[in-house]
Amino acid sequence: MAIPQKLINGLGELGIEQMQEYLERYAEMVNKGEKSFSDALDELVDIERKHRQIRRDAANLHVANFPFVKTLDDFDFSFQPNINKKELLELNSLGFVENKENVLFLGTSGVGKTHLATAIGISCTKARYQTYFITFENLITQLKKAHQENRLENRLKFYAKYKVLIIDEIGYMPIDQDTANIFFQLIAKRYEKNSTIITTNMPFSKWGDFFGSSTLANAVLDRLLHHSTVISIKGPSYRTKDIRALLEAQAAEE
């Protein structure tokens, strides 16, 4: 059954791409009596809807600035058995976002903190929560630059607006007192308004040294830890697990 070119052009002008692609196939099924017109139309609309959702998800993931696309299904919980998988799945249901609670991942380098934070962030994005991922180093660089250019308040508002802000790798770079004060301002703006996800290799007892002030560190931690879930990960590096497995296999053969 030939589809009128006017109809094809009209669907294209309206941006109905996927329905346009399947139209001839469904028209043929209707013509042969394999599907009713209403059933065919329902399925075509569903195809278009799913296609648009995939495009929206892809666009939102791009805007959210994730370093990679990984989910909890991609995480090898057997390699880090001290992690409570049930607790992570509960977080992934995203109740913490509606409750304006924070999530803090604490552990040494390579144990999977960024993977888990990103996985939850991707779930937030797919649920249409405005989400943004940034490393602590990049965040501080941008905030300091904004401060020097007399536009710090606008930049703080920019990061404060996100329903979920993921700040990765706190503690890997030294900061000065002014920087610590700027970071406190951001956390204070987000406190009890939106959710913040933190990854850090630094025990909370060391934050006073890192911020150069126990008072300031306590003020930051007070706002982060109030209404929060802390996931402490102890174990070997997740990044080197495949290499470890190979070396162990080679050793067993010798």
C-alpha atoms as a PDB file:
ATOM      1  CA  MET A   1       0.000   0.000   0.000  1.00  0.00           C
ATOM      2  CA  ALA A   2       1.559   3.265  -1.118  1.00  0.00           C
ATOM      3  CA  ILE A   3       1.687   6.023   1.473  1.00  0.00           C
ATOM      4  CA  PRO A   4       0.819   9.491   0.134  1.00  0.00           C
ATOM      5  CA  GLN A   5       3.925  11.667  -0.070  1.00  0.00           C
ATOM      6  CA  LYS A   6       1.991  14.524   1.512  1.00  0.00           C
ATOM      7  CA  LEU A   7       1.464  12.439   4.660  1.00  0.00           C
ATOM      8  CA  ILE A   8       5.131  11.432   4.780  1.00  0.00           C
ATOM      9  CA  ASN A   9       6.198  15.063   4.350  1.00  0.00           C
ATOM     10  CA  GLY A  10       3.761  16.175   7.046  1.00  0.00           C
ATOM     11  CA  LEU A  11       5.112  13.663   9.556  1.00  0.00           C
ATOM     12  CA  GLY A  12       8.624  14.820   8.736  1.00  0.00           C
ATOM     13  CA  GLU A  13       7.728  18.470   9.256  1.00  0.00           C
ATOM     14  CA  LEU A  14       6.232  17.603  12.647  1.00  0.00           C
ATOM     15  CA  GLY A  15       9.372  15.702  13.636  1.00  0.00           C
ATOM     16  CA  ILE A  16       7.526  12.376  13.889  1.00  0.00           C
ATOM     17  CA  GLU A  17      10.502  10.376  12.693  1.00  0.00           C
ATOM     18  CA  GLN A  18       9.963   6.867  13.969  1.00  0.00           C
ATOM     19  CA  MET A  19       6.282   6.658  13.047  1.00  0.00           C
ATOM     20  CA  GLN A  20       7.228   7.795   9.553  1.00  0.00           C
ATOM     21  CA  GLU A  21       9.748   4.949   9.281  1.00  0.00           C
ATOM     22  CA  TYR A  22       7.232   2.253  10.287  1.00  0.00           C
ATOM     23  CA  LEU A  23       4.181   3.709   8.549  1.00  0.00           C
ATOM     24  CA  GLU A  24       4.369   1.708   5.338  1.00  0.00           C
ATOM     25  CA  ARG A  25       4.859  -1.575   7.191  1.00  0.00           C
ATOM     26  CA  TYR A  26       1.813  -0.999   9.397  1.00  0.00           C
ATOM     27  CA  ALA A  27      -0.276   0.220   6.462  1.00  0.00           C
ATOM     28  CA  GLU A  28       0.476  -3.071   4.733  1.00  0.00           C
ATOM     29  CA  MET A  29      -0.642  -5.030   7.799  1.00  0.00           C
ATOM     30  CA  VAL A  30      -3.892  -3.052   7.930  1.00  0.00           C
ATOM     31  CA  ASN A  31      -4.416  -3.617   4.218  1.00  0.00           C
ATOM     32  CA  LYS A  32      -3.993  -7.374   4.669  1.00  0.00           C
ATOM     33  CA  GLY A  33      -6.357  -7.434   7.644  1.00  0.00           C
ATOM     34  CA  GLU A  34      -3.589  -8.444  10.045  1.00  0.00           C
ATOM     35  CA  LYS A  35      -4.230  -5.405  12.237  1.00  0.00           C
ATOM     36  CA  SER A  36      -7.099  -3.034  12.710  1.00  0.00           C
ATOM     37  CA  PHE A  37      -6.536   0.628  11.915  1.00  0.00           C
ATOM     38  CA  SER A  38      -6.885   1.615  15.579  1.00  0.00           C
ATOM     39  CA  ASP A  39      -4.427  -1.081  16.752  1.00  0.00           C
ATOM     40  CA  ALA A  40      -1.921  -0.050  14.116  1.00  0.00           C
ATOM     41  CA  LEU A  41      -2.243   3.601  15.098  1.00  0.00           C
ATOM     42  CA  ASP A  42      -1.843   2.758  18.801  1.00  0.00           C
ATOM     43  CA  GLU A  43       1.350   0.804  18.102  1.00  0.00           C
ATOM     44  CA  LEU A  44       2.755   3.509  15.854  1.00  0.00           C
ATOM     45  CA  VAL A  45       2.154   6.127  18.544  1.00  0.00           C
ATOM     46  CA  ASP A  46       3.833   3.859  21.119  1.00  0.00           C
ATOM     47  CA  ILE A  47       6.855   3.400  18.832  1.00  0.00           C
ATOM     48  CA  GLU A  48       7.169   7.161  18.433  1.00  0.00           C
ATOM     49  CA  ARG A  49       6.769   7.736  22.171  1.00  0.00           C
ATOM     50  CA  LYS A  50       9.537   5.244  23.037  1.00  0.00           C
ATOM     51  CA  HIS A  51      11.811   6.743  20.394  1.00  0.00           C
ATOM     52  CA  ARG A  52      11.335  10.228  21.824  1.00  0.00           C
ATOM     53  CA  GLN A  53      12.003   8.969  25.353  1.00  0.00           C
ATOM     54  CA  ILE A  54      15.285   7.434  24.199  1.00  0.00           C
ATOM     55  CA  ARG A  55      16.262  10.734  22.572  1.00  0.00           C
ATOM     56  CA  ARG A  56      15.316  12.681  25.702  1.00  0.00           C
ATOM     57  CA  ASP A  57      17.318  10.330  27.901  1.00  0.00           C
ATOM     58  CA  ALA A  58      20.349  10.638  25.632  1.00  0.00           C
ATOM     59  CA  ALA A  59      20.107  14.446  25.621  1.00  0.00           C
ATOM     60  CA  ASN A  60      19.670  14.629  29.395  1.00  0.00           C
ATOM     61  CA  LEU A  61      22.632  12.303  29.957  1.00  0.00           C
ATOM     62  CA  HIS A  62      24.767  14.526  27.758  1.00  0.00           C
ATOM     63  CA  VAL A  63      23.735  17.692  29.605  1.00  0.00           C
ATOM     64  CA  ALA A  64      24.334  16.019  32.983  1.00  0.00           C
ATOM     65  CA  ASN A  65      28.051  15.732  32.120  1.00  0.00           C
ATOM     66  CA  PHE A  66      28.584  12.141  33.325  1.00  0.00           C
ATOM     67  CA  PRO A  67      32.119  10.773  32.774  1.00  0.00           C
ATOM     68  CA  PHE A  68      30.655   7.482  31.507  1.00  0.00           C
ATOM     69  CA  VAL A  69      27.341   5.646  31.315  1.00  0.00           C
ATOM     70  CA  LYS A  70      27.182   2.826  33.864  1.00  0.00           C
ATOM     71  CA  THR A  71      24.369   1.445  35.992  1.00  0.00           C
ATOM     72  CA  LEU A  72      24.181  -0.616  39.165  1.00  0.00           C
ATOM     73  CA  ASP A  73      23.772  -3.672  36.947  1.00  0.00           C
ATOM     74  CA  ASP A  74      27.290  -3.011  35.657  1.00  0.00           C
ATOM     75  CA  PHE A  75      28.783  -3.033  39.162  1.00  0.00           C
ATOM     76  CA  ASP A  76      30.376  -6.228  40.460  1.00  0.00           C
ATOM     77  CA  PHE A  77      29.064  -6.344  44.016  1.00  0.00           C
ATOM     78  CA  SER A  78      30.800  -9.700  44.557  1.00  0.00           C
ATOM     79  CA  PHE A  79      34.148  -7.901  44.271  1.00  0.00           C
ATOM     80  CA  GLN A  80      33.178  -5.463  47.041  1.00  0.00           C
ATOM     81  CA  PRO A  81      31.143  -7.743  49.371  1.00  0.00           C
ATOM     82  CA  ASN A  82      31.168  -5.198  52.203  1.00  0.00           C
ATOM     83  CA  ILE A  83      28.817  -2.969  50.162  1.00  0.00           C
ATOM     84  CA  ASN A  84      25.184  -3.450  51.099  1.00  0.00           C
ATOM     85  CA  LYS A  85      23.594  -4.045  47.691  1.00  0.00           C
ATOM     86  CA  LYS A  86      20.103  -3.723  49.144  1.00  0.00           C
ATOM     87  CA  GLU A  87      20.984  -0.260  50.449  1.00  0.00           C
ATOM     88  CA  LEU A  88      22.235   0.801  47.007  1.00  0.00           C
ATOM     89  CA  LEU A  89      19.092  -0.495  45.319  1.00  0.00           C
ATOM     90  CA  GLU A  90      17.026   1.439  47.835  1.00  0.00           C
ATOM     91  CA  LEU A  91      18.960   4.610  46.993  1.00  0.00           C
ATOM     92  CA  ASN A  92      18.391   3.869  43.324  1.00  0.00           C
ATOM     93  CA  SER A  93      14.641   4.074  43.933  1.00  0.00           C
ATOM     94  CA  LEU A  94      15.405   7.814  44.366  1.00  0.00           C
ATOM     95  CA  GLY A  95      13.376   8.466  47.493  1.00  0.00           C
ATOM     96  CA  PHE A  96      16.345  10.452  48.807  1.00  0.00           C
ATOM     97  CA  VAL A  97      15.828  13.028  46.046  1.00  0.00           C
ATOM     98  CA  GLU A  98      12.266  13.795  47.041  1.00  0.00           C
ATOM     99  CA  ASN A  99      13.350  13.922  50.694  1.00  0.00           C
ATOM    100  CA  LYS A 100      16.201  16.320  49.791  1.00  0.00           C
ATOM    101  CA  GLU A 101      18.731  13.970  51.378  1.00  0.00           C
ATOM    102  CA  ASN A 102      22.411  13.604  50.527  1.00  0.00           C
ATOM    103  CA  VAL A 103      24.526  10.559  49.663  1.00  0.00           C
ATOM    104  CA  LEU A 104      28.218  10.334  50.519  1.00  0.00           C
ATOM    105  CA  PHE A 105      30.536   7.629  49.174  1.00  0.00           C
ATOM    106  CA  LEU A 106      33.674   7.251  51.263  1.00  0.00           C
ATOM    107  CA  GLY A 107      36.629   5.022  50.370  1.00  0.00           C
ATOM    108  CA  THR A 108      40.125   4.796  48.961  1.00  0.00           C
ATOM    109  CA  SER A 109      40.886   5.307  45.274  1.00  0.00           C
ATOM    110  CA  GLY A 110      39.468   2.761  42.851  1.00  0.00           C
ATOM    111  CA  VAL A 111      36.879   1.059  45.059  1.00  0.00           C
ATOM    112  CA  GLY A 112      33.943   2.082  42.856  1.00  0.00           C
ATOM    113  CA  LYS A 113      32.715   5.338  44.393  1.00  0.00           C
ATOM    114  CA  THR A 114      32.433   7.224  41.108  1.00  0.00           C
ATOM    115  CA  HIS A 115      30.764   4.269  39.376  1.00  0.00           C
ATOM    116  CA  LEU A 116      28.080   4.026  42.063  1.00  0.00           C
ATOM    117  CA  ALA A 117      27.532   7.795  42.251  1.00  0.00           C
ATOM    118  CA  THR A 118      27.225   7.971  38.471  1.00  0.00           C
ATOM    119  CA  ALA A 119      24.843   5.003  38.342  1.00  0.00           C
ATOM    120  CA  ILE A 120      22.484   6.663  40.808  1.00  0.00           C
ATOM    121  CA  GLY A 121      22.870   9.969  38.970  1.00  0.00           C
ATOM    122  CA  ILE A 122      21.884   8.343  35.691  1.00  0.00           C
ATOM    123  CA  SER A 123      18.771   6.932  37.360  1.00  0.00           C
ATOM    124  CA  CYS A 124      17.973  10.457  38.559  1.00  0.00           C
ATOM    125  CA  THR A 125      18.388  11.818  35.039  1.00  0.00           C
ATOM    126  CA  LYS A 126      16.134   9.141  33.540  1.00  0.00           C
ATOM    127  CA  ALA A 127      13.539  10.016  36.163  1.00  0.00           C
ATOM    128  CA  ARG A 128      13.766  13.610  34.835  1.00  0.00           C
ATOM    129  CA  TYR A 129      15.429  15.090  37.891  1.00  0.00           C
ATOM    130  CA  GLN A 130      17.767  17.889  36.843  1.00  0.00           C
ATOM    131  CA  THR A 131      21.169  16.344  37.537  1.00  0.00           C
ATOM    132  CA  TYR A 132      24.758  17.468  37.055  1.00  0.00           C
ATOM    133  CA  PHE A 133      28.095  15.697  37.570  1.00  0.00           C
ATOM    134  CA  ILE A 134      31.341  17.574  38.194  1.00  0.00           C
ATOM    135  CA  THR A 135      34.684  16.793  39.777  1.00  0.00           C
ATOM    136  CA  PHE A 136      35.604  18.784  42.853  1.00  0.00           C
ATOM    137  CA  GLU A 137      38.672  20.144  41.055  1.00  0.00           C
ATOM    138  CA  ASN A 138      36.632  21.425  38.114  1.00  0.00           C
ATOM    139  CA  LEU A 139      33.952  22.832  40.416  1.00  0.00           C
ATOM    140  CA  ILE A 140      36.486  24.757  42.459  1.00  0.00           C
ATOM    141  CA  THR A 141      38.255  26.029  39.347  1.00  0.00           C
ATOM    142  CA  GLN A 142      34.989  27.406  37.984  1.00  0.00           C
ATOM    143  CA  LEU A 143      33.901  28.943  41.284  1.00  0.00           C
ATOM    144  CA  LYS A 144      37.284  30.637  41.805  1.00  0.00           C
ATOM    145  CA  LYS A 145      37.200  32.015  38.270  1.00  0.00           C
ATOM    146  CA  ALA A 146      33.685  33.337  38.835  1.00  0.00           C
ATOM    147  CA  HIS A 147      34.829  34.946  42.097  1.00  0.00           C
ATOM    148  CA  GLN A 148      37.694  36.709  40.311  1.00  0.00           C
ATOM    149  CA  GLU A 149      35.268  37.990  37.668  1.00  0.00           C
ATOM    150  CA  ASN A 150      32.714  39.240  40.246  1.00  0.00           C
ATOM    151  CA  ARG A 151      30.041  36.737  39.194  1.00  0.00           C
ATOM    152  CA  LEU A 152      30.348  34.220  42.022  1.00  0.00           C
ATOM    153  CA  GLU A 153      26.748  34.593  43.168  1.00  0.00           C
ATOM    154  CA  ASN A 154      25.406  33.710  39.730  1.00  0.00           C
ATOM    155  CA  ARG A 155      27.674  30.680  39.511  1.00  0.00           C
ATOM    156  CA  LEU A 156      26.641  29.498  42.964  1.00  0.00           C
ATOM    157  CA  LYS A 157      22.996  29.814  41.940  1.00  0.00           C
ATOM    158  CA  PHE A 158      23.756  27.785  38.808  1.00  0.00           C
ATOM    159  CA  TYR A 159      25.070  24.830  40.820  1.00  0.00           C
ATOM    160  CA  ALA A 160      22.549  25.270  43.607  1.00  0.00           C
ATOM    161  CA  LYS A 161      19.589  24.883  41.220  1.00  0.00           C
ATOM    162  CA  TYR A 162      20.212  21.236  40.340  1.00  0.00           C
ATOM    163  CA  LYS A 163      17.901  18.742  41.963  1.00  0.00           C
ATOM    164  CA  VAL A 164      20.886  16.400  42.212  1.00  0.00           C
ATOM    165  CA  LEU A 165      24.488  17.649  42.150  1.00  0.00           C
ATOM    166  CA  ILE A 166      27.251  15.026  42.105  1.00  0.00           C
ATOM    167  CA  ILE A 167      30.629  16.293  43.304  1.00  0.00           C
ATOM    168  CA  ASP A 168      33.352  13.745  42.626  1.00  0.00           C
ATOM    169  CA  GLU A 169      36.746  13.277  44.276  1.00  0.00           C
ATOM    170  CA  ILE A 170      36.757  15.659  47.228  1.00  0.00           C
ATOM    171  CA  GLY A 171      40.118  15.433  48.936  1.00  0.00           C
ATOM    172  CA  TYR A 172      42.389  14.743  45.971  1.00  0.00           C
ATOM    173  CA  MET A 173      43.591  18.325  45.601  1.00  0.00           C
ATOM    174  CA  PRO A 174      44.601  20.928  48.219  1.00  0.00           C
ATOM    175  CA  ILE A 175      42.514  24.062  48.644  1.00  0.00           C
ATOM    176  CA  ASP A 176      43.090  27.417  50.304  1.00  0.00           C
ATOM    177  CA  GLN A 177      40.897  29.178  52.864  1.00  0.00           C
ATOM    178  CA  ASP A 178      39.072  31.323  50.313  1.00  0.00           C
ATOM    179  CA  THR A 179      38.235  28.259  48.242  1.00  0.00           C
ATOM    180  CA  ALA A 180      36.991  26.434  51.319  1.00  0.00           C
ATOM    181  CA  ASN A 181      34.707  29.355  52.148  1.00  0.00           C
ATOM    182  CA  ILE A 182      33.316  29.395  48.598  1.00  0.00           C
ATOM    183  CA  PHE A 183      32.589  25.662  48.758  1.00  0.00           C
ATOM    184  CA  PHE A 184      30.801  26.137  52.065  1.00  0.00           C
ATOM    185  CA  GLN A 185      28.586  28.785  50.443  1.00  0.00           C
ATOM    186  CA  LEU A 186      27.514  26.284  47.774  1.00  0.00           C
ATOM    187  CA  ILE A 187      26.733  23.557  50.289  1.00  0.00           C
ATOM    188  CA  ALA A 188      24.817  26.036  52.430  1.00  0.00           C
ATOM    189  CA  LYS A 189      22.709  27.103  49.433  1.00  0.00           C
ATOM    190  CA  ARG A 190      21.815  23.484  48.664  1.00  0.00           C
ATOM    191  CA  TYR A 191      21.165  22.450  52.268  1.00  0.00           C
ATOM    192  CA  GLU A 192      17.641  21.037  52.708  1.00  0.00           C
ATOM    193  CA  LYS A 193      16.685  22.320  49.241  1.00  0.00           C
ATOM    194  CA  ASN A 194      18.262  19.765  46.899  1.00  0.00           C
ATOM    195  CA  SER A 195      20.270  16.545  47.090  1.00  0.00           C
ATOM    196  CA  THR A 196      24.049  16.386  46.845  1.00  0.00           C
ATOM    197  CA  ILE A 197      26.043  13.241  46.114  1.00  0.00           C
ATOM    198  CA  ILE A 198      29.674  13.307  47.246  1.00  0.00           C
ATOM    199  CA  THR A 199      32.570  10.941  46.612  1.00  0.00           C
ATOM    200  CA  THR A 200      35.688  11.292  48.732  1.00  0.00           C
ATOM    201  CA  ASN A 201      38.806   9.352  49.692  1.00  0.00           C
ATOM    202  CA  MET A 202      39.172  11.433  52.834  1.00  0.00           C
ATOM    203  CA  PRO A 203      37.878  10.313  56.258  1.00  0.00           C
ATOM    204  CA  PHE A 204      35.631  12.906  57.855  1.00  0.00           C
ATOM    205  CA  SER A 205      38.161  13.274  60.679  1.00  0.00           C
ATOM    206  CA  LYS A 206      40.615  14.743  58.142  1.00  0.00           C
ATOM    207  CA  TRP A 207      38.273  17.369  56.710  1.00  0.00           C
ATOM    208  CA  GLY A 208      39.434  19.959  59.226  1.00  0.00           C
ATOM    209  CA  ASP A 209      42.985  19.714  57.873  1.00  0.00           C
ATOM    210  CA  PHE A 210      41.733  19.757  54.284  1.00  0.00           C
ATOM    211  CA  PHE A 211      39.614  22.885  54.769  1.00  0.00           C
ATOM    212  CA  GLY A 212      42.214  24.550  56.941  1.00  0.00           C
ATOM    213  CA  SER A 213      39.623  25.077  59.669  1.00  0.00           C
ATOM    214  CA  SER A 214      37.847  22.605  61.918  1.00  0.00           C
ATOM    215  CA  THR A 215      35.007  25.084  62.337  1.00  0.00           C
ATOM    216  CA  LEU A 216      34.464  25.393  58.594  1.00  0.00           C
ATOM    217  CA  ALA A 217      34.825  21.662  58.024  1.00  0.00           C
ATOM    218  CA  ASN A 218      32.271  20.937  60.737  1.00  0.00           C
ATOM    219  CA  ALA A 219      29.878  23.454  59.184  1.00  0.00           C
ATOM    220  CA  VAL A 220      30.194  21.749  55.787  1.00  0.00           C
ATOM    221  CA  LEU A 221      29.884  18.238  57.222  1.00  0.00           C
ATOM    222  CA  ASP A 222      26.957  19.255  59.405  1.00  0.00           C
ATOM    223  CA  ARG A 223      24.983  20.229  56.305  1.00  0.00           C
ATOM    224  CA  LEU A 224      26.127  17.262  54.226  1.00  0.00           C
ATOM    225  CA  LEU A 225      25.602  14.596  56.880  1.00  0.00           C
ATOM    226  CA  HIS A 226      22.270  15.875  58.171  1.00  0.00           C
ATOM    227  CA  HIS A 227      19.584  13.895  56.281  1.00  0.00           C
ATOM    228  CA  SER A 228      22.127  11.683  54.518  1.00  0.00           C
ATOM    229  CA  THR A 229      23.232   8.157  53.704  1.00  0.00           C
ATOM    230  CA  VAL A 230      26.937   7.377  54.032  1.00  0.00           C
ATOM    231  CA  ILE A 231      28.319   4.442  52.040  1.00  0.00           C
ATOM    232  CA  SER A 232      31.753   3.494  53.338  1.00  0.00           C
ATOM    233  CA  ILE A 233      33.594   1.194  50.933  1.00  0.00           C
ATOM    234  CA  LYS A 234      36.560  -0.834  52.126  1.00  0.00           C
ATOM    235  CA  GLY A 235      38.265  -3.175  49.738  1.00  0.00           C
ATOM    236  CA  PRO A 236      40.703  -3.555  46.829  1.00  0.00           C
ATOM    237  CA  SER A 237      40.737  -1.334  43.784  1.00  0.00           C
ATOM    238  CA  TYR A 238      37.776  -2.035  41.520  1.00  0.00           C
ATOM    239  CA  ARG A 239      39.752  -0.749  38.546  1.00  0.00           C
ATOM    240  CA  THR A 240      42.415  -3.451  38.876  1.00  0.00           C
ATOM    241  CA  LYS A 241      40.140  -6.398  39.606  1.00  0.00           C
ATOM    242  CA  ASP A 242      40.557  -7.914  36.129  1.00  0.00           C
ATOM    243  CA  ILE A 243      44.341  -7.615  36.345  1.00  0.00           C
ATOM    244  CA  ARG A 244      44.291  -9.201  39.802  1.00  0.00           C
ATOM    245  CA  ALA A 245      42.167 -12.080  38.536  1.00  0.00           C
ATOM    246  CA  LEU A 246      44.580 -12.650  35.641  1.00  0.00           C
ATOM    247  CA  LEU A 247      47.642 -12.634  37.913  1.00  0.00           C
ATOM    248  CA  GLU A 248      45.960 -15.021  40.332  1.00  0.00           C
ATOM    249  CA  ALA A 249      45.060 -17.363  37.466  1.00  0.00           C
ATOM    250  CA  GLN A 250      48.641 -17.272  36.159  1.00  0.00           C
ATOM    251  CA  ALA A 251      50.006 -17.948  39.646  1.00  0.00           C
ATOM    252  CA  ALA A 252      47.687 -20.938  40.027  1.00  0.00           C
ATOM    253  CA  GLU A 253      49.003 -22.427  36.765  1.00  0.00           C
ATOM    254  CA  GLU A 254      52.649 -22.202  37.868  1.00  0.00           C
END
